[in-house]
Amino acid sequence: MTVNEWLRLIAGGFVLLAVVLGATVHPYYNYAAAFVAANLIQSAFTGWCPMMALLRRLGVKEKE
């Protein structure tokens, strides 16, 4: 998998987990989902995403 695929998997999993926890445990978990959404929006404008930088540092390949 490439960096973009890993990013989508991690962001989607994190949002899904936060929404489930927000519905079952405490509504404040929805703030975690909002944080991921805000990070994705800022990365669309700036071209920089902290998770992508981490994935690259961990050796995930860019493209196949």
Protein backbone atom coordinates (compact mmCIF):
# COMPACT_ATOMS: atom_id res chain seq x y z
CA MET A 1 0.00 0.00 0.00
CA THR A 2 1.11 3.54 -0.69
CA VAL A 3 1.19 6.58 1.59
CA ASN A 4 -2.15 7.83 0.25
CA GLU A 5 -3.86 4.49 0.81
CA TRP A 6 -2.47 4.22 4.35
CA LEU A 7 -3.60 7.77 5.07
CA ARG A 8 -7.15 7.05 3.95
CA LEU A 9 -7.23 3.84 5.97
CA ILE A 10 -5.95 5.50 9.15
CA ALA A 11 -8.17 8.60 8.84
CA GLY A 12 -11.27 6.55 8.04
CA GLY A 13 -10.62 4.12 10.87
CA PHE A 14 -9.99 6.90 13.34
CA VAL A 15 -13.17 8.76 12.35
CA LEU A 16 -15.24 5.58 12.50
CA LEU A 17 -13.85 4.72 15.94
CA ALA A 18 -14.44 8.26 17.22
CA VAL A 19 -18.06 8.30 15.98
CA VAL A 20 -18.80 4.90 17.54
CA LEU A 21 -17.22 5.96 20.82
CA GLY A 22 -19.11 9.26 20.66
CA ALA A 23 -22.39 7.41 20.26
CA THR A 24 -21.75 4.75 22.90
CA VAL A 25 -19.32 6.14 25.49
CA HIS A 26 -19.26 9.93 25.57
CA PRO A 27 -20.13 12.66 23.04
CA TYR A 28 -16.73 14.33 23.52
CA TYR A 29 -15.21 11.62 21.32
CA ASN A 30 -16.83 13.45 18.39
CA TYR A 31 -14.18 16.12 18.85
CA ALA A 32 -11.58 13.56 17.78
CA ALA A 33 -13.49 13.03 14.52
CA ALA A 34 -13.68 16.80 14.05
CA PHE A 35 -9.91 17.06 14.59
CA VAL A 36 -9.25 14.53 11.83
CA ALA A 37 -11.63 16.37 9.50
CA ALA A 38 -9.94 19.71 10.22
CA ASN A 39 -6.53 18.17 9.57
CA LEU A 40 -7.69 16.74 6.23
CA ILE A 41 -9.12 20.13 5.22
CA GLN A 42 -5.93 22.01 6.11
CA SER A 43 -3.83 19.46 4.24
CA ALA A 44 -5.94 20.04 1.13
CA PHE A 45 -4.93 23.71 1.20
CA THR A 46 -1.34 23.43 2.41
CA GLY A 47 -0.27 20.11 0.90
CA TRP A 48 1.23 19.03 4.24
CA CYS A 49 -0.18 16.36 6.52
CA PRO A 50 1.54 15.23 9.73
CA MET A 51 0.42 11.62 9.26
CA MET A 52 1.87 11.50 5.75
CA ALA A 53 5.17 12.81 7.08
CA LEU A 54 5.14 10.10 9.73
CA LEU A 55 4.30 7.39 7.21
CA ARG A 56 7.11 8.51 4.92
CA ARG A 57 9.53 8.47 7.85
CA LEU A 58 8.41 4.92 8.64
CA GLY A 59 9.34 3.91 5.09
CA VAL A 60 5.98 3.62 3.39
CA LYS A 61 6.45 3.97 -0.37
CA GLU A 62 4.99 6.87 -2.31
CA LYS A 63 3.71 5.18 -5.47
CA GLU A 64 3.93 1.78 -7.03
